[in-house]
């Protein structure tokens, strides 16, 4: 105190520094994290609301799949499911909605049985299996529930667990990462000419 009873030698009160807390992460994200997020997004493959996908471990190519991020698990239309010994199952994958003779018989290990809500809102118990999925340049192991999609337009449904970390969806377009497979056309049988008498 000085002779006048005021703080400080100059007669002026001393200033006090105010410490302000740093802004929350939501207001100012770390630059490194933001940059990493941008890199991760740039590496993801953009797909449309439907794509032609492959299941190479089952020798299935060009099956038409609907992309549905509202569904948790992917689903595949199958027929003639038969449970085998040793935790295995055999079934027929129906590849075409109208040409029901186009099918592939698969035998694989059962991951688990799960209670799943169908598109009609009813709960049903389904077999869950795993296999390799190929969409454009991306290959990854996914879980698939074996379902009856006989009345559905698409033979396969790609859920969000299969889409996570690898894809971005453009819901306004279709087949951005894949092309419609070219099917071999059957050659017409030659017409035999009846010799004239």
N, C-alpha and C. Protein backbone atom coordinates (compact mmCIF):
# COMPACT_ATOMS: atom_id res chain seq x y z
N UNK A 1 0.84 -1.20 0.00
CA UNK A 1 0.00 0.00 0.00
C UNK A 1 0.88 1.25 0.00
N UNK A 2 0.51 2.33 -0.68
CA UNK A 2 1.26 3.58 -0.66
C UNK A 2 0.74 4.49 0.45
N UNK A 3 1.24 5.69 0.48
CA UNK A 3 0.87 6.58 1.56
C UNK A 3 -0.57 7.00 1.51
N UNK A 4 -1.21 7.00 0.35
CA UNK A 4 -2.62 7.38 0.21
C UNK A 4 -3.56 6.23 0.56
N UNK A 5 -2.97 5.04 0.85
CA UNK A 5 -3.83 3.90 1.18
C UNK A 5 -4.37 3.18 -0.02
N UNK A 6 -3.78 3.47 -1.22
CA UNK A 6 -4.26 2.84 -2.45
C UNK A 6 -3.28 1.74 -2.84
N UNK A 7 -3.76 0.66 -3.43
CA UNK A 7 -2.86 -0.43 -3.80
C UNK A 7 -1.93 -0.02 -4.93
N UNK A 8 -0.70 -0.57 -4.88
CA UNK A 8 0.26 -0.31 -5.95
C UNK A 8 1.06 0.94 -5.69
N UNK A 9 2.29 0.95 -6.19
CA UNK A 9 3.17 2.08 -5.98
C UNK A 9 2.77 3.28 -6.80
N UNK A 10 2.06 3.07 -7.88
CA UNK A 10 1.67 4.17 -8.76
C UNK A 10 0.33 4.75 -8.40
N UNK A 11 -0.32 4.17 -7.41
CA UNK A 11 -1.63 4.68 -7.04
C UNK A 11 -2.76 4.09 -7.85
N UNK A 12 -2.46 3.18 -8.80
CA UNK A 12 -3.50 2.54 -9.61
C UNK A 12 -3.65 1.09 -9.18
N UNK A 13 -4.87 0.58 -9.21
CA UNK A 13 -5.06 -0.83 -8.82
C UNK A 13 -4.39 -1.75 -9.82
N UNK A 14 -3.85 -2.81 -9.33
CA UNK A 14 -3.20 -3.79 -10.19
C UNK A 14 -4.25 -4.60 -10.96
N UNK A 15 -3.93 -4.91 -12.21
CA UNK A 15 -4.85 -5.69 -13.05
C UNK A 15 -4.74 -7.16 -12.69
N UNK A 16 -5.83 -7.87 -12.81
CA UNK A 16 -5.88 -9.31 -12.52
C UNK A 16 -6.21 -10.04 -13.81
N UNK A 17 -5.35 -11.01 -14.20
CA UNK A 17 -5.58 -11.78 -15.42
C UNK A 17 -6.75 -12.73 -15.24
N UNK A 18 -7.63 -12.76 -16.22
CA UNK A 18 -8.78 -13.67 -16.19
C UNK A 18 -8.48 -14.88 -17.07
N UNK A 19 -8.61 -16.09 -16.52
CA UNK A 19 -8.36 -17.32 -17.27
C UNK A 19 -9.67 -17.84 -17.83
N UNK A 20 -9.78 -17.89 -19.15
CA UNK A 20 -11.00 -18.36 -19.78
C UNK A 20 -10.87 -19.84 -20.14
N UNK A 21 -11.90 -20.61 -19.88
CA UNK A 21 -11.82 -22.05 -20.24
C UNK A 21 -11.82 -22.22 -21.74
N UNK A 22 -11.13 -23.24 -22.25
CA UNK A 22 -11.11 -23.48 -23.70
C UNK A 22 -12.49 -23.87 -24.21
N UNK A 23 -12.81 -23.56 -25.46
CA UNK A 23 -14.13 -23.92 -26.01
C UNK A 23 -14.28 -25.43 -26.08
N UNK A 24 -15.52 -25.91 -25.98
CA UNK A 24 -15.74 -27.36 -26.06
C UNK A 24 -15.35 -27.93 -27.41
N UNK A 25 -15.15 -29.27 -27.46
CA UNK A 25 -14.73 -29.92 -28.70
C UNK A 25 -15.74 -29.75 -29.81
N UNK A 26 -17.04 -29.69 -29.42
CA UNK A 26 -18.08 -29.55 -30.44
C UNK A 26 -17.99 -28.21 -31.14
N UNK A 27 -17.50 -27.17 -30.41
CA UNK A 27 -17.39 -25.84 -31.01
C UNK A 27 -16.11 -25.69 -31.81
N UNK A 28 -15.05 -26.40 -31.40
CA UNK A 28 -13.78 -26.28 -32.11
C UNK A 28 -13.10 -27.65 -32.14
N UNK A 29 -13.44 -28.50 -33.13
CA UNK A 29 -12.84 -29.83 -33.18
C UNK A 29 -11.35 -29.75 -33.46
N UNK A 30 -10.56 -30.68 -32.93
CA UNK A 30 -9.12 -30.69 -33.21
C UNK A 30 -8.87 -30.81 -34.71
N UNK A 31 -7.87 -30.07 -35.20
CA UNK A 31 -7.58 -30.07 -36.63
C UNK A 31 -7.16 -31.46 -37.11
N UNK A 32 -6.41 -32.17 -36.28
CA UNK A 32 -5.94 -33.50 -36.68
C UNK A 32 -7.10 -34.45 -36.86
N UNK A 33 -8.07 -34.39 -35.92
CA UNK A 33 -9.23 -35.28 -36.01
C UNK A 33 -10.09 -34.93 -37.22
N UNK A 34 -10.26 -33.63 -37.48
CA UNK A 34 -11.05 -33.20 -38.64
C UNK A 34 -10.40 -33.66 -39.94
N UNK A 35 -9.08 -33.53 -40.01
CA UNK A 35 -8.37 -33.94 -41.21
C UNK A 35 -8.47 -35.44 -41.42
N UNK A 36 -8.36 -36.21 -40.32
CA UNK A 36 -8.48 -37.66 -40.43
C UNK A 36 -9.87 -38.05 -40.89
N UNK A 37 -10.89 -37.35 -40.39
CA UNK A 37 -12.27 -37.62 -40.78
C UNK A 37 -12.46 -37.38 -42.28
N UNK A 38 -11.85 -36.31 -42.80
CA UNK A 38 -11.97 -36.02 -44.23
C UNK A 38 -11.29 -37.09 -45.07
N UNK A 39 -10.13 -37.56 -44.60
CA UNK A 39 -9.43 -38.62 -45.33
C UNK A 39 -10.26 -39.90 -45.36
N UNK A 40 -10.86 -40.24 -44.20
CA UNK A 40 -11.67 -41.45 -44.15
C UNK A 40 -12.86 -41.35 -45.10
N UNK A 41 -13.50 -40.20 -45.15
CA UNK A 41 -14.65 -40.02 -46.04
C UNK A 41 -14.22 -40.10 -47.50
N UNK A 42 -13.05 -39.55 -47.83
CA UNK A 42 -12.60 -39.54 -49.22
C UNK A 42 -12.25 -40.94 -49.71
N UNK A 43 -11.91 -41.85 -48.79
CA UNK A 43 -11.53 -43.19 -49.18
C UNK A 43 -12.74 -44.11 -49.34
N UNK A 44 -13.90 -43.67 -48.93
CA UNK A 44 -15.08 -44.50 -49.04
C UNK A 44 -15.63 -44.50 -50.47
N UNK A 45 -16.24 -45.61 -50.85
CA UNK A 45 -16.79 -45.78 -52.20
C UNK A 45 -18.23 -45.29 -52.21
N UNK A 46 -18.56 -44.44 -53.17
CA UNK A 46 -19.93 -43.94 -53.30
C UNK A 46 -20.76 -44.96 -54.08
N UNK A 47 -21.88 -45.35 -53.51
CA UNK A 47 -22.77 -46.31 -54.16
C UNK A 47 -24.17 -45.72 -54.28
N UNK A 48 -24.96 -46.29 -55.17
CA UNK A 48 -26.34 -45.85 -55.35
C UNK A 48 -27.28 -46.62 -54.43
N UNK A 49 -28.58 -46.39 -54.62
CA UNK A 49 -29.56 -47.04 -53.74
C UNK A 49 -29.76 -48.51 -54.10
N UNK A 50 -29.23 -48.93 -55.24
CA UNK A 50 -29.12 -50.37 -55.50
C UNK A 50 -27.87 -50.63 -56.32
N UNK A 51 -27.33 -51.83 -56.14
CA UNK A 51 -26.09 -52.22 -56.81
C UNK A 51 -26.15 -53.71 -57.15
N UNK A 52 -25.30 -54.12 -58.11
CA UNK A 52 -25.13 -55.53 -58.43
C UNK A 52 -23.90 -56.03 -57.68
N UNK A 53 -24.08 -56.97 -56.77
CA UNK A 53 -22.99 -57.39 -55.89
C UNK A 53 -22.63 -58.85 -56.14
N UNK A 54 -21.44 -59.22 -55.67
CA UNK A 54 -20.94 -60.59 -55.81
C UNK A 54 -20.77 -61.21 -54.42
N UNK A 55 -21.00 -62.52 -54.36
CA UNK A 55 -20.68 -63.33 -53.19
C UNK A 55 -19.72 -64.42 -53.66
N UNK A 56 -18.43 -64.09 -53.83
CA UNK A 56 -17.48 -64.98 -54.51
C UNK A 56 -17.26 -66.32 -53.84
N UNK A 57 -17.37 -66.39 -52.52
CA UNK A 57 -17.18 -67.67 -51.83
C UNK A 57 -18.28 -68.67 -52.18
N UNK A 58 -19.41 -68.16 -52.65
CA UNK A 58 -20.53 -69.01 -53.06
C UNK A 58 -20.69 -69.06 -54.57
N UNK A 59 -19.72 -68.52 -55.30
CA UNK A 59 -19.75 -68.50 -56.77
C UNK A 59 -20.99 -67.78 -57.31
N UNK A 60 -21.37 -66.70 -56.64
CA UNK A 60 -22.53 -65.91 -57.05
C UNK A 60 -22.03 -64.55 -57.52
N UNK A 61 -22.42 -64.15 -58.73
CA UNK A 61 -22.02 -62.86 -59.28
C UNK A 61 -23.25 -62.10 -59.79
N UNK A 62 -23.19 -60.78 -59.64
CA UNK A 62 -24.21 -59.92 -60.24
C UNK A 62 -25.60 -60.09 -59.67
N UNK A 63 -25.72 -60.31 -58.34
CA UNK A 63 -27.06 -60.39 -57.76
C UNK A 63 -27.52 -58.98 -57.40
N UNK A 64 -28.76 -58.68 -57.71
CA UNK A 64 -29.29 -57.34 -57.53
C UNK A 64 -29.63 -57.10 -56.05
N UNK A 65 -29.01 -56.08 -55.45
CA UNK A 65 -29.20 -55.82 -54.03
C UNK A 65 -29.69 -54.39 -53.82
N UNK A 66 -30.60 -54.24 -52.87
CA UNK A 66 -31.08 -52.92 -52.47
C UNK A 66 -30.28 -52.45 -51.26
N UNK A 67 -29.83 -51.21 -51.30
CA UNK A 67 -29.07 -50.62 -50.19
C UNK A 67 -30.07 -50.02 -49.20
N UNK A 68 -30.04 -50.49 -47.97
CA UNK A 68 -31.01 -50.05 -46.96
C UNK A 68 -30.29 -49.81 -45.64
N UNK A 69 -29.93 -48.55 -45.37
CA UNK A 69 -29.25 -48.23 -44.12
C UNK A 69 -30.18 -48.28 -42.92
N UNK A 70 -31.48 -48.42 -43.17
CA UNK A 70 -32.44 -48.56 -42.06
C UNK A 70 -32.48 -49.96 -41.50
N UNK A 71 -31.98 -50.93 -42.25
CA UNK A 71 -31.92 -52.31 -41.78
C UNK A 71 -30.56 -52.57 -41.16
N UNK A 72 -30.53 -53.23 -40.02
CA UNK A 72 -29.26 -53.46 -39.33
C UNK A 72 -28.45 -54.56 -40.01
N UNK A 73 -29.10 -55.67 -40.34
CA UNK A 73 -28.41 -56.82 -40.91
C UNK A 73 -28.84 -57.03 -42.35
N UNK A 74 -27.93 -57.48 -43.19
CA UNK A 74 -28.24 -57.79 -44.58
C UNK A 74 -29.10 -59.06 -44.64
N UNK A 75 -29.87 -59.18 -45.71
CA UNK A 75 -30.75 -60.34 -45.88
C UNK A 75 -30.63 -60.86 -47.31
N UNK A 76 -30.79 -62.17 -47.45
CA UNK A 76 -30.68 -62.82 -48.76
C UNK A 76 -31.83 -63.78 -48.93
N UNK A 77 -32.45 -63.73 -50.12
CA UNK A 77 -33.57 -64.63 -50.40
C UNK A 77 -33.06 -66.03 -50.69
N UNK A 78 -33.52 -67.00 -49.90
CA UNK A 78 -33.12 -68.39 -50.08
C UNK A 78 -34.34 -69.28 -50.03
N UNK A 79 -34.14 -70.53 -50.44
CA UNK A 79 -35.22 -71.52 -50.46
C UNK A 79 -34.64 -72.86 -50.02
N UNK A 80 -35.52 -73.75 -49.57
CA UNK A 80 -35.12 -75.12 -49.19
C UNK A 80 -34.02 -75.14 -48.13
N UNK A 81 -34.23 -74.42 -47.03
CA UNK A 81 -33.24 -74.41 -45.95
C UNK A 81 -33.28 -75.74 -45.22
N UNK A 82 -32.10 -76.34 -45.07
CA UNK A 82 -32.01 -77.64 -44.38
C UNK A 82 -30.87 -77.55 -43.36
N UNK A 83 -31.20 -77.77 -42.09
CA UNK A 83 -30.19 -77.75 -41.03
C UNK A 83 -29.45 -79.07 -41.01
N UNK A 84 -28.12 -79.01 -40.97
CA UNK A 84 -27.28 -80.19 -41.00
C UNK A 84 -26.59 -80.38 -39.65
N UNK A 85 -25.85 -81.49 -39.53
CA UNK A 85 -25.09 -81.74 -38.32
C UNK A 85 -23.86 -80.84 -38.27
N UNK A 86 -23.35 -80.64 -37.06
CA UNK A 86 -22.13 -79.85 -36.91
C UNK A 86 -22.32 -78.36 -37.08
N UNK A 87 -23.54 -77.88 -36.83
CA UNK A 87 -23.79 -76.44 -36.91
C UNK A 87 -23.71 -75.88 -38.32
N UNK A 88 -24.11 -76.68 -39.30
CA UNK A 88 -24.08 -76.23 -40.68
C UNK A 88 -25.49 -76.20 -41.25
N UNK A 89 -25.64 -75.52 -42.38
CA UNK A 89 -26.93 -75.38 -43.03
C UNK A 89 -26.73 -75.41 -44.54
N UNK A 90 -27.72 -75.94 -45.25
CA UNK A 90 -27.70 -75.98 -46.71
C UNK A 90 -28.95 -75.29 -47.22
N UNK A 91 -28.80 -74.51 -48.29
CA UNK A 91 -29.93 -73.76 -48.82
C UNK A 91 -29.69 -73.44 -50.28
N UNK A 92 -30.74 -73.03 -50.96
CA UNK A 92 -30.67 -72.59 -52.36
C UNK A 92 -30.82 -71.08 -52.42
N UNK A 93 -29.85 -70.41 -53.04
CA UNK A 93 -29.94 -68.97 -53.27
C UNK A 93 -30.67 -68.74 -54.58
N UNK A 94 -31.83 -68.11 -54.50
CA UNK A 94 -32.64 -67.84 -55.70
C UNK A 94 -32.15 -66.53 -56.31
N UNK A 95 -31.61 -66.60 -57.51
CA UNK A 95 -30.93 -65.46 -58.12
C UNK A 95 -31.84 -64.52 -58.88
N UNK A 96 -33.01 -65.00 -59.31
CA UNK A 96 -33.87 -64.19 -60.16
C UNK A 96 -35.30 -64.30 -59.67
N UNK A 97 -36.01 -63.17 -59.73
CA UNK A 97 -37.39 -63.14 -59.21
C UNK A 97 -38.35 -63.95 -60.06
N UNK A 98 -38.18 -63.90 -61.38
CA UNK A 98 -39.09 -64.63 -62.27
C UNK A 98 -38.52 -65.97 -62.71
N UNK A 99 -37.23 -66.00 -62.98
CA UNK A 99 -36.60 -67.25 -63.41
C UNK A 99 -36.12 -68.02 -62.18
N UNK A 100 -37.06 -68.71 -61.53
CA UNK A 100 -36.77 -69.36 -60.25
C UNK A 100 -35.83 -70.55 -60.39
N UNK A 101 -35.61 -71.02 -61.63
CA UNK A 101 -34.67 -72.12 -61.82
C UNK A 101 -33.22 -71.66 -61.73
N UNK A 102 -33.00 -70.36 -61.76
CA UNK A 102 -31.65 -69.82 -61.61
C UNK A 102 -31.33 -69.74 -60.13
N UNK A 103 -30.63 -70.73 -59.62
CA UNK A 103 -30.32 -70.81 -58.21
C UNK A 103 -29.00 -71.52 -57.98
N UNK A 104 -28.40 -71.27 -56.82
CA UNK A 104 -27.13 -71.87 -56.44
C UNK A 104 -27.31 -72.53 -55.08
N UNK A 105 -26.92 -73.79 -54.95
CA UNK A 105 -26.99 -74.49 -53.67
C UNK A 105 -25.73 -74.21 -52.86
N UNK A 106 -25.91 -73.79 -51.61
CA UNK A 106 -24.80 -73.40 -50.73
C UNK A 106 -24.88 -74.20 -49.44
N UNK A 107 -23.73 -74.62 -48.95
CA UNK A 107 -23.62 -75.23 -47.62
C UNK A 107 -22.57 -74.46 -46.84
N UNK A 108 -22.92 -74.00 -45.64
CA UNK A 108 -22.01 -73.16 -44.87
C UNK A 108 -22.27 -73.31 -43.38
N UNK A 109 -21.39 -72.72 -42.59
CA UNK A 109 -21.50 -72.77 -41.13
C UNK A 109 -22.50 -71.72 -40.65
N UNK A 110 -23.28 -72.07 -39.63
CA UNK A 110 -24.24 -71.14 -39.03
C UNK A 110 -23.53 -70.33 -37.95
N UNK A 111 -23.55 -69.02 -38.07
CA UNK A 111 -22.96 -68.17 -37.06
C UNK A 111 -23.82 -68.15 -35.80
N UNK A 112 -25.12 -67.97 -35.99
CA UNK A 112 -26.07 -67.98 -34.88
C UNK A 112 -27.48 -67.97 -35.45
N UNK A 113 -28.45 -68.15 -34.57
CA UNK A 113 -29.85 -67.93 -34.90
C UNK A 113 -30.28 -66.65 -34.23
N UNK A 114 -31.04 -65.83 -34.94
CA UNK A 114 -31.41 -64.53 -34.41
C UNK A 114 -32.89 -64.24 -34.67
N UNK A 115 -33.49 -63.54 -33.74
CA UNK A 115 -34.89 -63.12 -33.89
C UNK A 115 -34.90 -61.79 -34.60
N UNK A 116 -35.46 -61.77 -35.78
CA UNK A 116 -35.39 -60.59 -36.66
C UNK A 116 -36.80 -60.14 -37.00
N UNK A 117 -36.98 -58.82 -37.05
CA UNK A 117 -38.27 -58.26 -37.49
C UNK A 117 -38.25 -58.15 -39.01
N UNK A 118 -39.21 -58.76 -39.66
CA UNK A 118 -39.29 -58.74 -41.12
C UNK A 118 -39.83 -57.41 -41.61
N UNK A 119 -39.85 -57.25 -42.94
CA UNK A 119 -40.34 -56.00 -43.54
C UNK A 119 -41.84 -55.79 -43.29
N UNK A 120 -42.53 -56.88 -42.95
CA UNK A 120 -43.97 -56.77 -42.65
C UNK A 120 -44.22 -56.44 -41.18
N UNK A 121 -43.14 -56.35 -40.39
CA UNK A 121 -43.29 -56.00 -38.98
C UNK A 121 -43.38 -57.19 -38.04
N UNK A 122 -43.34 -58.41 -38.57
CA UNK A 122 -43.43 -59.59 -37.74
C UNK A 122 -42.05 -60.11 -37.38
N UNK A 123 -41.93 -60.69 -36.18
CA UNK A 123 -40.67 -61.27 -35.74
C UNK A 123 -40.58 -62.72 -36.18
N UNK A 124 -39.40 -63.12 -36.62
CA UNK A 124 -39.17 -64.50 -37.01
C UNK A 124 -37.72 -64.88 -36.71
N UNK A 125 -37.48 -66.17 -36.49
CA UNK A 125 -36.14 -66.65 -36.21
C UNK A 125 -35.44 -67.01 -37.51
N UNK A 126 -34.25 -66.46 -37.71
CA UNK A 126 -33.51 -66.70 -38.95
C UNK A 126 -32.11 -67.21 -38.65
N UNK A 127 -31.57 -67.93 -39.61
CA UNK A 127 -30.16 -68.32 -39.56
C UNK A 127 -29.32 -67.12 -39.99
N UNK A 128 -28.24 -66.87 -39.27
CA UNK A 128 -27.28 -65.84 -39.63
C UNK A 128 -25.98 -66.52 -40.04
N UNK A 129 -25.50 -66.22 -41.24
CA UNK A 129 -24.27 -66.80 -41.75
C UNK A 129 -23.34 -65.67 -42.18
N UNK A 130 -22.10 -66.01 -42.47
CA UNK A 130 -21.14 -65.01 -42.95
C UNK A 130 -20.57 -65.44 -44.29
N UNK A 131 -20.25 -64.46 -45.11
CA UNK A 131 -19.59 -64.72 -46.38
C UNK A 131 -18.92 -63.45 -46.88
N UNK A 132 -18.15 -63.58 -47.94
CA UNK A 132 -17.44 -62.44 -48.52
C UNK A 132 -18.35 -61.69 -49.48
N UNK A 133 -18.42 -60.38 -49.30
CA UNK A 133 -19.20 -59.50 -50.18
C UNK A 133 -18.24 -58.68 -51.03
N UNK A 134 -18.57 -58.54 -52.32
CA UNK A 134 -17.79 -57.67 -53.21
C UNK A 134 -18.73 -56.66 -53.86
N UNK A 135 -18.43 -55.38 -53.63
CA UNK A 135 -19.17 -54.29 -54.26
C UNK A 135 -18.14 -53.35 -54.88
N UNK A 136 -18.04 -53.37 -56.20
CA UNK A 136 -17.01 -52.57 -56.86
C UNK A 136 -15.63 -53.00 -56.38
N UNK A 137 -14.81 -52.07 -55.88
CA UNK A 137 -13.45 -52.43 -55.44
C UNK A 137 -13.39 -52.94 -54.01
N UNK A 138 -14.51 -52.93 -53.30
CA UNK A 138 -14.52 -53.28 -51.88
C UNK A 138 -14.89 -54.75 -51.68
N UNK A 139 -14.08 -55.44 -50.88
CA UNK A 139 -14.39 -56.81 -50.46
C UNK A 139 -14.34 -56.86 -48.94
N UNK A 140 -15.35 -57.45 -48.33
CA UNK A 140 -15.38 -57.53 -46.87
C UNK A 140 -16.29 -58.68 -46.44
N UNK A 141 -16.00 -59.25 -45.28
CA UNK A 141 -16.84 -60.27 -44.70
C UNK A 141 -18.06 -59.61 -44.06
N UNK A 142 -19.25 -60.15 -44.33
CA UNK A 142 -20.47 -59.58 -43.76
C UNK A 142 -21.34 -60.70 -43.19
N UNK A 143 -22.28 -60.30 -42.34
CA UNK A 143 -23.29 -61.21 -41.83
C UNK A 143 -24.54 -61.09 -42.68
N UNK A 144 -25.16 -62.25 -42.95
CA UNK A 144 -26.37 -62.28 -43.77
C UNK A 144 -27.42 -63.14 -43.08
N UNK A 145 -28.63 -62.64 -43.01
CA UNK A 145 -29.74 -63.45 -42.52
C UNK A 145 -30.42 -64.12 -43.71
N UNK A 146 -30.70 -65.41 -43.55
CA UNK A 146 -31.36 -66.17 -44.61
C UNK A 146 -32.87 -65.97 -44.49
N UNK A 147 -33.47 -65.41 -45.52
CA UNK A 147 -34.86 -64.98 -45.42
C UNK A 147 -35.64 -65.40 -46.65
N UNK A 148 -36.95 -65.30 -46.53
CA UNK A 148 -37.84 -65.50 -47.67
C UNK A 148 -38.25 -64.12 -48.19
N UNK A 149 -37.70 -63.75 -49.35
CA UNK A 149 -38.01 -62.46 -49.97
C UNK A 149 -38.71 -62.70 -51.30
N UNK A 150 -39.55 -63.69 -51.33
CA UNK A 150 -40.19 -64.12 -52.58
C UNK A 150 -41.05 -63.02 -53.19
N UNK A 151 -41.66 -62.20 -52.33
CA UNK A 151 -42.53 -61.13 -52.84
C UNK A 151 -41.79 -59.82 -53.06
N UNK A 152 -40.50 -59.79 -52.72
CA UNK A 152 -39.72 -58.56 -52.84
C UNK A 152 -39.07 -58.45 -54.22
N UNK A 153 -38.86 -57.21 -54.66
CA UNK A 153 -38.26 -56.97 -55.96
C UNK A 153 -36.79 -57.36 -55.98
N UNK A 154 -36.09 -57.13 -54.87
CA UNK A 154 -34.66 -57.39 -54.80
C UNK A 154 -34.38 -58.69 -54.04
N UNK A 155 -33.46 -59.48 -54.59
CA UNK A 155 -33.12 -60.76 -53.98
C UNK A 155 -32.28 -60.57 -52.72
N UNK A 156 -31.64 -59.42 -52.57
CA UNK A 156 -30.75 -59.19 -51.43
C UNK A 156 -30.93 -57.78 -50.91
N UNK A 157 -30.74 -57.65 -49.60
CA UNK A 157 -30.81 -56.36 -48.93
C UNK A 157 -29.48 -56.12 -48.23
N UNK A 158 -28.86 -54.98 -48.47
CA UNK A 158 -27.60 -54.62 -47.81
C UNK A 158 -27.90 -53.70 -46.63
N UNK A 159 -27.67 -54.20 -45.41
CA UNK A 159 -27.94 -53.42 -44.21
C UNK A 159 -26.75 -52.57 -43.80
N UNK A 160 -26.95 -51.78 -42.76
CA UNK A 160 -25.94 -50.79 -42.38
C UNK A 160 -24.67 -51.41 -41.81
N UNK A 161 -24.75 -52.63 -41.23
CA UNK A 161 -23.53 -53.26 -40.73
C UNK A 161 -22.60 -53.62 -41.89
N UNK A 162 -23.15 -53.97 -43.02
CA UNK A 162 -22.33 -54.27 -44.20
C UNK A 162 -21.82 -53.00 -44.87
N UNK A 163 -22.53 -51.90 -44.68
CA UNK A 163 -22.17 -50.64 -45.33
C UNK A 163 -21.19 -49.81 -44.52
N UNK A 164 -21.12 -50.03 -43.22
CA UNK A 164 -20.36 -49.16 -42.31
C UNK A 164 -18.88 -49.12 -42.67
N UNK A 165 -18.31 -47.90 -42.61
CA UNK A 165 -16.88 -47.62 -42.75
C UNK A 165 -16.34 -47.71 -44.19
N UNK A 166 -17.12 -48.21 -45.13
CA UNK A 166 -16.58 -48.42 -46.48
C UNK A 166 -17.36 -47.70 -47.57
N UNK A 167 -18.60 -47.28 -47.31
CA UNK A 167 -19.44 -46.75 -48.38
C UNK A 167 -20.13 -45.45 -47.97
N UNK A 168 -20.36 -44.60 -48.98
CA UNK A 168 -21.24 -43.45 -48.88
C UNK A 168 -22.37 -43.66 -49.88
N UNK A 169 -23.59 -43.32 -49.50
CA UNK A 169 -24.76 -43.64 -50.32
C UNK A 169 -25.31 -42.36 -50.97
N UNK A 170 -25.48 -42.41 -52.29
CA UNK A 170 -26.19 -41.37 -53.03
C UNK A 170 -27.57 -41.94 -53.36
N UNK A 171 -28.55 -41.56 -52.55
CA UNK A 171 -29.88 -42.15 -52.67
C UNK A 171 -30.62 -41.71 -53.93
N UNK A 172 -30.08 -40.76 -54.68
CA UNK A 172 -30.76 -40.29 -55.88
C UNK A 172 -30.34 -41.07 -57.13
N UNK A 173 -29.34 -41.96 -57.00
CA UNK A 173 -28.84 -42.67 -58.16
C UNK A 173 -28.71 -44.16 -57.88
N UNK A 174 -28.50 -44.92 -58.92
CA UNK A 174 -28.33 -46.37 -58.79
C UNK A 174 -27.08 -46.82 -59.52
N UNK A 175 -26.53 -47.92 -59.05
CA UNK A 175 -25.40 -48.59 -59.70
C UNK A 175 -24.24 -47.63 -60.00
N UNK A 176 -23.75 -46.97 -58.98
CA UNK A 176 -22.62 -46.07 -59.14
C UNK A 176 -21.28 -46.80 -59.06
N UNK A 177 -21.25 -47.94 -58.37
CA UNK A 177 -20.00 -48.69 -58.20
C UNK A 177 -19.96 -49.97 -59.01
N UNK A 178 -21.09 -50.36 -59.57
CA UNK A 178 -21.16 -51.62 -60.31
C UNK A 178 -21.95 -51.42 -61.60
N UNK A 179 -21.86 -52.39 -62.48
CA UNK A 179 -22.61 -52.39 -63.72
C UNK A 179 -23.48 -53.63 -63.80
N UNK A 180 -24.55 -53.51 -64.54
CA UNK A 180 -25.43 -54.66 -64.73
C UNK A 180 -24.68 -55.75 -65.46
N UNK A 181 -24.66 -56.97 -64.91
CA UNK A 181 -23.90 -58.05 -65.56
C UNK A 181 -24.51 -58.41 -66.90
N UNK A 182 -23.64 -58.76 -67.82
CA UNK A 182 -24.11 -59.18 -69.14
C UNK A 182 -24.33 -60.69 -69.16
N UNK A 183 -25.56 -61.06 -69.37
CA UNK A 183 -25.90 -62.48 -69.41
C UNK A 183 -25.70 -63.03 -70.82
N UNK A 184 -25.22 -64.24 -70.87
CA UNK A 184 -25.05 -64.88 -72.17
C UNK A 184 -26.41 -65.30 -72.73
N UNK A 185 -26.68 -64.82 -73.92
CA UNK A 185 -27.94 -65.17 -74.55
C UNK A 185 -27.84 -66.54 -75.20
N UNK A 186 -28.91 -67.29 -75.04
CA UNK A 186 -28.94 -68.62 -75.66
C UNK A 186 -29.13 -68.48 -77.16
N UNK A 187 -28.31 -69.21 -77.89
CA UNK A 187 -28.44 -69.18 -79.34
C UNK A 187 -29.67 -69.97 -79.77
N UNK A 188 -30.45 -69.40 -80.68
CA UNK A 188 -31.64 -70.14 -81.12
C UNK A 188 -31.25 -71.42 -81.85
N UNK A 189 -32.07 -72.42 -81.66
CA UNK A 189 -31.79 -73.71 -82.31
C UNK A 189 -31.92 -73.55 -83.82
N UNK A 190 -31.03 -74.17 -84.56
CA UNK A 190 -31.11 -74.06 -86.02
C UNK A 190 -32.37 -74.68 -86.56
N UNK A 191 -32.93 -74.03 -87.58
CA UNK A 191 -34.17 -74.52 -88.19
C UNK A 191 -33.82 -75.57 -89.23
N UNK A 192 -34.36 -76.73 -89.00
CA UNK A 192 -34.10 -77.81 -89.97
C UNK A 192 -35.10 -77.73 -91.11
N UNK A 193 -34.56 -77.78 -92.30
CA UNK A 193 -35.42 -77.69 -93.47
C UNK A 193 -35.89 -79.09 -93.90
N UNK A 194 -37.16 -79.17 -94.15
CA UNK A 194 -37.71 -80.44 -94.60
C UNK A 194 -37.49 -80.58 -96.09
N UNK A 195 -36.79 -81.61 -96.49
CA UNK A 195 -36.54 -81.75 -97.93
C UNK A 195 -37.83 -81.86 -98.72
N UNK A 196 -37.86 -81.18 -99.81
CA UNK A 196 -39.06 -81.22 -100.65
C UNK A 196 -39.17 -82.55 -101.34
N UNK A 197 -40.38 -83.02 -101.46
CA UNK A 197 -40.62 -84.32 -102.10
C UNK A 197 -40.64 -84.19 -103.58
